[in-house]
């Protein structure tokens, strides 16, 4: 059992509600949700002459591209995310690096950061409009990225 404040900071799980997302070249954006921070490797199945006796062998293959989802409230001033998606032309896309960081209890220092490399937008969705609900309008941006790395600070 942790007995000091420092022990608690390093051994207790970090809450997931206090985070910051930084997209290269964009003004700060407050996101309500970030998901898809996955690192996945596709397995390769290999069969050789002894596979009849020993069975197939499995090895790690190529890393899968990450599919990141960012959600934020729609605001009147416009959307940098839409502008980014709209800038895509055939064979031309501005890939950006993104950092998603879980912050300490004061919100000052990143504790764990996910470094997302070469991300580009795939799709942007607006939330459904329903007159029977009292909810914030949310836009959802789906991104694909080459790589996700985790840094523990």
C-alpha atoms as a PDB file:
ATOM      1  CA  UNK A   1       0.000   0.000   0.000  1.00  0.00           C
ATOM      2  CA  UNK A   2       1.316   3.439  -0.962  1.00  0.00           C
ATOM      3  CA  UNK A   3       2.245   5.502   2.068  1.00  0.00           C
ATOM      4  CA  UNK A   4       3.571   8.798   0.700  1.00  0.00           C
ATOM      5  CA  UNK A   5       2.229  11.326  -1.805  1.00  0.00           C
ATOM      6  CA  UNK A   6       5.070  10.422  -4.188  1.00  0.00           C
ATOM      7  CA  UNK A   7       4.196   6.703  -3.927  1.00  0.00           C
ATOM      8  CA  UNK A   8       0.573   7.502  -4.736  1.00  0.00           C
ATOM      9  CA  UNK A   9       1.588   9.599  -7.769  1.00  0.00           C
ATOM     10  CA  UNK A  10       3.704   6.812  -9.246  1.00  0.00           C
ATOM     11  CA  UNK A  11       1.678   3.708  -8.338  1.00  0.00           C
ATOM     12  CA  UNK A  12      -1.983   4.735  -8.606  1.00  0.00           C
ATOM     13  CA  UNK A  13      -3.697   4.791 -12.018  1.00  0.00           C
ATOM     14  CA  UNK A  14      -3.965   8.159 -13.770  1.00  0.00           C
ATOM     15  CA  UNK A  15      -7.481   9.554 -14.298  1.00  0.00           C
ATOM     16  CA  UNK A  16      -8.365   9.830 -18.001  1.00  0.00           C
ATOM     17  CA  UNK A  17     -10.442  13.027 -17.858  1.00  0.00           C
ATOM     18  CA  UNK A  18      -7.581  15.568 -17.612  1.00  0.00           C
ATOM     19  CA  UNK A  19      -5.783  15.683 -20.955  1.00  0.00           C
ATOM     20  CA  UNK A  20      -4.448  18.030 -23.611  1.00  0.00           C
ATOM     21  CA  UNK A  21      -4.300  17.451 -27.384  1.00  0.00           C
ATOM     22  CA  UNK A  22      -1.861  19.426 -29.524  1.00  0.00           C
ATOM     23  CA  UNK A  23      -2.011  19.290 -33.347  1.00  0.00           C
ATOM     24  CA  UNK A  24       0.990  20.757 -35.181  1.00  0.00           C
ATOM     25  CA  UNK A  25       0.198  24.068 -36.836  1.00  0.00           C
ATOM     26  CA  UNK A  26      -3.261  24.516 -35.274  1.00  0.00           C
ATOM     27  CA  UNK A  27      -4.548  26.785 -32.553  1.00  0.00           C
ATOM     28  CA  UNK A  28      -5.399  24.962 -29.294  1.00  0.00           C
ATOM     29  CA  UNK A  29      -8.611  22.915 -29.577  1.00  0.00           C
ATOM     30  CA  UNK A  30     -10.563  21.543 -26.596  1.00  0.00           C
ATOM     31  CA  UNK A  31     -11.591  17.973 -27.407  1.00  0.00           C
ATOM     32  CA  UNK A  32     -14.279  16.214 -25.411  1.00  0.00           C
ATOM     33  CA  UNK A  33     -13.018  12.744 -26.331  1.00  0.00           C
ATOM     34  CA  UNK A  34      -9.938  11.097 -27.821  1.00  0.00           C
ATOM     35  CA  UNK A  35      -9.975   7.414 -28.755  1.00  0.00           C
ATOM     36  CA  UNK A  36      -8.063   4.934 -30.869  1.00  0.00           C
ATOM     37  CA  UNK A  37      -4.661   5.398 -29.273  1.00  0.00           C
ATOM     38  CA  UNK A  38      -3.772   1.831 -30.231  1.00  0.00           C
ATOM     39  CA  UNK A  39      -0.489   0.199 -31.093  1.00  0.00           C
ATOM     40  CA  UNK A  40      -1.142  -3.000 -33.009  1.00  0.00           C
ATOM     41  CA  UNK A  41       1.008  -5.454 -34.949  1.00  0.00           C
ATOM     42  CA  UNK A  42      -0.540  -7.807 -37.490  1.00  0.00           C
ATOM     43  CA  UNK A  43       0.653 -11.415 -36.964  1.00  0.00           C
ATOM     44  CA  UNK A  44       2.142 -13.531 -39.746  1.00  0.00           C
ATOM     45  CA  UNK A  45       1.385 -17.261 -39.890  1.00  0.00           C
ATOM     46  CA  UNK A  46       4.263 -19.310 -41.284  1.00  0.00           C
ATOM     47  CA  UNK A  47       4.086 -22.942 -42.304  1.00  0.00           C
ATOM     48  CA  UNK A  48       7.168 -25.012 -43.057  1.00  0.00           C
ATOM     49  CA  UNK A  49       7.810 -28.726 -43.734  1.00  0.00           C
ATOM     50  CA  UNK A  50       7.382 -29.630 -40.048  1.00  0.00           C
ATOM     51  CA  UNK A  51       4.047 -27.817 -39.727  1.00  0.00           C
ATOM     52  CA  UNK A  52       2.230 -31.143 -40.053  1.00  0.00           C
ATOM     53  CA  UNK A  53       3.862 -32.248 -36.784  1.00  0.00           C
ATOM     54  CA  UNK A  54       4.636 -28.989 -34.959  1.00  0.00           C
ATOM     55  CA  UNK A  55       1.827 -26.793 -36.290  1.00  0.00           C
ATOM     56  CA  UNK A  56       2.052 -23.332 -37.765  1.00  0.00           C
ATOM     57  CA  UNK A  57       4.476 -20.748 -36.431  1.00  0.00           C
ATOM     58  CA  UNK A  58       3.433 -17.199 -35.695  1.00  0.00           C
ATOM     59  CA  UNK A  59       5.588 -14.109 -35.900  1.00  0.00           C
ATOM     60  CA  UNK A  60       4.913 -10.392 -35.519  1.00  0.00           C
ATOM     61  CA  UNK A  61       4.414  -8.681 -38.871  1.00  0.00           C
ATOM     62  CA  UNK A  62       4.001  -5.088 -39.927  1.00  0.00           C
ATOM     63  CA  UNK A  63       2.567  -2.487 -37.606  1.00  0.00           C
ATOM     64  CA  UNK A  64      -1.023  -1.542 -38.351  1.00  0.00           C
ATOM     65  CA  UNK A  65      -1.794   2.130 -39.005  1.00  0.00           C
ATOM     66  CA  UNK A  66      -3.586   3.808 -36.113  1.00  0.00           C
ATOM     67  CA  UNK A  67      -7.143   5.103 -36.509  1.00  0.00           C
ATOM     68  CA  UNK A  68      -7.609   7.998 -34.105  1.00  0.00           C
ATOM     69  CA  UNK A  69     -10.969   9.617 -33.310  1.00  0.00           C
ATOM     70  CA  UNK A  70     -11.237  13.162 -31.957  1.00  0.00           C
ATOM     71  CA  UNK A  71     -14.535  14.677 -30.767  1.00  0.00           C
ATOM     72  CA  UNK A  72     -15.259  18.298 -29.945  1.00  0.00           C
ATOM     73  CA  UNK A  73     -18.182  20.657 -29.632  1.00  0.00           C
ATOM     74  CA  UNK A  74     -19.190  22.582 -32.740  1.00  0.00           C
ATOM     75  CA  UNK A  75     -18.631  26.331 -32.356  1.00  0.00           C
ATOM     76  CA  UNK A  76     -19.785  29.285 -34.473  1.00  0.00           C
ATOM     77  CA  UNK A  77     -16.343  30.534 -35.461  1.00  0.00           C
ATOM     78  CA  UNK A  78     -15.726  27.557 -37.769  1.00  0.00           C
ATOM     79  CA  UNK A  79     -13.649  24.424 -37.663  1.00  0.00           C
ATOM     80  CA  UNK A  80      -9.918  24.059 -38.168  1.00  0.00           C
ATOM     81  CA  UNK A  81     -10.559  20.327 -38.475  1.00  0.00           C
ATOM     82  CA  UNK A  82     -12.933  20.833 -41.419  1.00  0.00           C
ATOM     83  CA  UNK A  83     -10.414  23.170 -43.061  1.00  0.00           C
ATOM     84  CA  UNK A  84      -7.752  20.462 -42.699  1.00  0.00           C
ATOM     85  CA  UNK A  85     -10.006  17.791 -44.250  1.00  0.00           C
ATOM     86  CA  UNK A  86     -11.102  20.188 -47.001  1.00  0.00           C
ATOM     87  CA  UNK A  87      -7.466  20.892 -47.939  1.00  0.00           C
ATOM     88  CA  UNK A  88      -6.958  17.311 -49.148  1.00  0.00           C
ATOM     89  CA  UNK A  89      -6.533  16.971 -52.869  1.00  0.00           C
ATOM     90  CA  UNK A  90      -5.549  13.979 -54.992  1.00  0.00           C
ATOM     91  CA  UNK A  91      -2.057  12.845 -53.870  1.00  0.00           C
ATOM     92  CA  UNK A  92      -1.731  15.960 -51.698  1.00  0.00           C
ATOM     93  CA  UNK A  93      -2.345  15.860 -47.989  1.00  0.00           C
ATOM     94  CA  UNK A  94      -0.852  17.806 -45.128  1.00  0.00           C
ATOM     95  CA  UNK A  95       0.098  15.185 -42.558  1.00  0.00           C
ATOM     96  CA  UNK A  96       0.423  16.456 -38.998  1.00  0.00           C
ATOM     97  CA  UNK A  97       1.954  15.194 -35.800  1.00  0.00           C
ATOM     98  CA  UNK A  98      -0.362  15.097 -32.799  1.00  0.00           C
ATOM     99  CA  UNK A  99       0.405  14.769 -29.102  1.00  0.00           C
ATOM    100  CA  UNK A 100      -2.271  13.602 -26.657  1.00  0.00           C
ATOM    101  CA  UNK A 101      -1.103  13.946 -23.048  1.00  0.00           C
ATOM    102  CA  UNK A 102      -2.617  12.921 -19.727  1.00  0.00           C
ATOM    103  CA  UNK A 103      -1.840  15.719 -17.283  1.00  0.00           C
ATOM    104  CA  UNK A 104      -0.933  15.734 -13.601  1.00  0.00           C
ATOM    105  CA  UNK A 105      -3.500  16.690 -10.957  1.00  0.00           C
ATOM    106  CA  UNK A 106      -2.754  20.415 -11.410  1.00  0.00           C
ATOM    107  CA  UNK A 107      -3.007  20.232 -15.215  1.00  0.00           C
ATOM    108  CA  UNK A 108       0.503  21.620 -15.643  1.00  0.00           C
ATOM    109  CA  UNK A 109       2.779  18.687 -16.453  1.00  0.00           C
ATOM    110  CA  UNK A 110       2.176  15.841 -18.922  1.00  0.00           C
ATOM    111  CA  UNK A 111       2.460  12.475 -17.148  1.00  0.00           C
ATOM    112  CA  UNK A 112       1.959  10.173 -20.156  1.00  0.00           C
ATOM    113  CA  UNK A 113       1.960  11.289 -23.802  1.00  0.00           C
ATOM    114  CA  UNK A 114       0.933   9.550 -27.003  1.00  0.00           C
ATOM    115  CA  UNK A 115       2.966  10.844 -29.963  1.00  0.00           C
ATOM    116  CA  UNK A 116       0.959  10.335 -33.158  1.00  0.00           C
ATOM    117  CA  UNK A 117       3.046  10.665 -36.335  1.00  0.00           C
ATOM    118  CA  UNK A 118       1.926  11.623 -39.830  1.00  0.00           C
ATOM    119  CA  UNK A 119      -1.816  11.806 -39.183  1.00  0.00           C
ATOM    120  CA  UNK A 120      -4.278  12.854 -41.856  1.00  0.00           C
ATOM    121  CA  UNK A 121      -8.081  13.209 -41.796  1.00  0.00           C
ATOM    122  CA  UNK A 122     -10.312  10.474 -43.230  1.00  0.00           C
ATOM    123  CA  UNK A 123     -13.779  11.655 -42.263  1.00  0.00           C
ATOM    124  CA  UNK A 124     -15.601  14.350 -40.344  1.00  0.00           C
ATOM    125  CA  UNK A 125     -19.091  13.783 -38.880  1.00  0.00           C
ATOM    126  CA  UNK A 126     -21.563  16.120 -37.254  1.00  0.00           C
ATOM    127  CA  UNK A 127     -23.794  14.814 -34.487  1.00  0.00           C
ATOM    128  CA  UNK A 128     -27.377  14.041 -35.347  1.00  0.00           C
ATOM    129  CA  UNK A 129     -29.886  16.797 -34.752  1.00  0.00           C
ATOM    130  CA  UNK A 130     -32.781  15.795 -32.520  1.00  0.00           C
ATOM    131  CA  UNK A 131     -35.328  18.299 -31.198  1.00  0.00           C
ATOM    132  CA  UNK A 132     -36.228  15.961 -28.298  1.00  0.00           C
ATOM    133  CA  UNK A 133     -32.728  16.114 -26.766  1.00  0.00           C
ATOM    134  CA  UNK A 134     -30.799  18.825 -24.993  1.00  0.00           C
ATOM    135  CA  UNK A 135     -27.235  17.966 -26.022  1.00  0.00           C
ATOM    136  CA  UNK A 136     -24.221  19.823 -27.352  1.00  0.00           C
ATOM    137  CA  UNK A 137     -23.592  19.504 -31.109  1.00  0.00           C
ATOM    138  CA  UNK A 138     -20.408  17.483 -31.558  1.00  0.00           C
ATOM    139  CA  UNK A 139     -18.175  17.009 -34.570  1.00  0.00           C
ATOM    140  CA  UNK A 140     -16.128  13.835 -34.878  1.00  0.00           C
ATOM    141  CA  UNK A 141     -12.897  13.637 -36.867  1.00  0.00           C
ATOM    142  CA  UNK A 142     -11.411  10.287 -37.845  1.00  0.00           C
ATOM    143  CA  UNK A 143      -7.703  10.247 -38.600  1.00  0.00           C
ATOM    144  CA  UNK A 144      -5.233   7.664 -39.828  1.00  0.00           C
ATOM    145  CA  UNK A 145      -1.645   7.820 -38.616  1.00  0.00           C
ATOM    146  CA  UNK A 146       1.551   5.957 -39.418  1.00  0.00           C
ATOM    147  CA  UNK A 147       2.666   5.418 -35.860  1.00  0.00           C
ATOM    148  CA  UNK A 148       1.786   5.908 -32.194  1.00  0.00           C
ATOM    149  CA  UNK A 149       4.489   6.033 -29.529  1.00  0.00           C
ATOM    150  CA  UNK A 150       3.988   6.297 -25.778  1.00  0.00           C
ATOM    151  CA  UNK A 151       6.248   8.464 -23.612  1.00  0.00           C
ATOM    152  CA  UNK A 152       6.194   8.281 -19.820  1.00  0.00           C
ATOM    153  CA  UNK A 153       7.426  11.539 -18.314  1.00  0.00           C
END
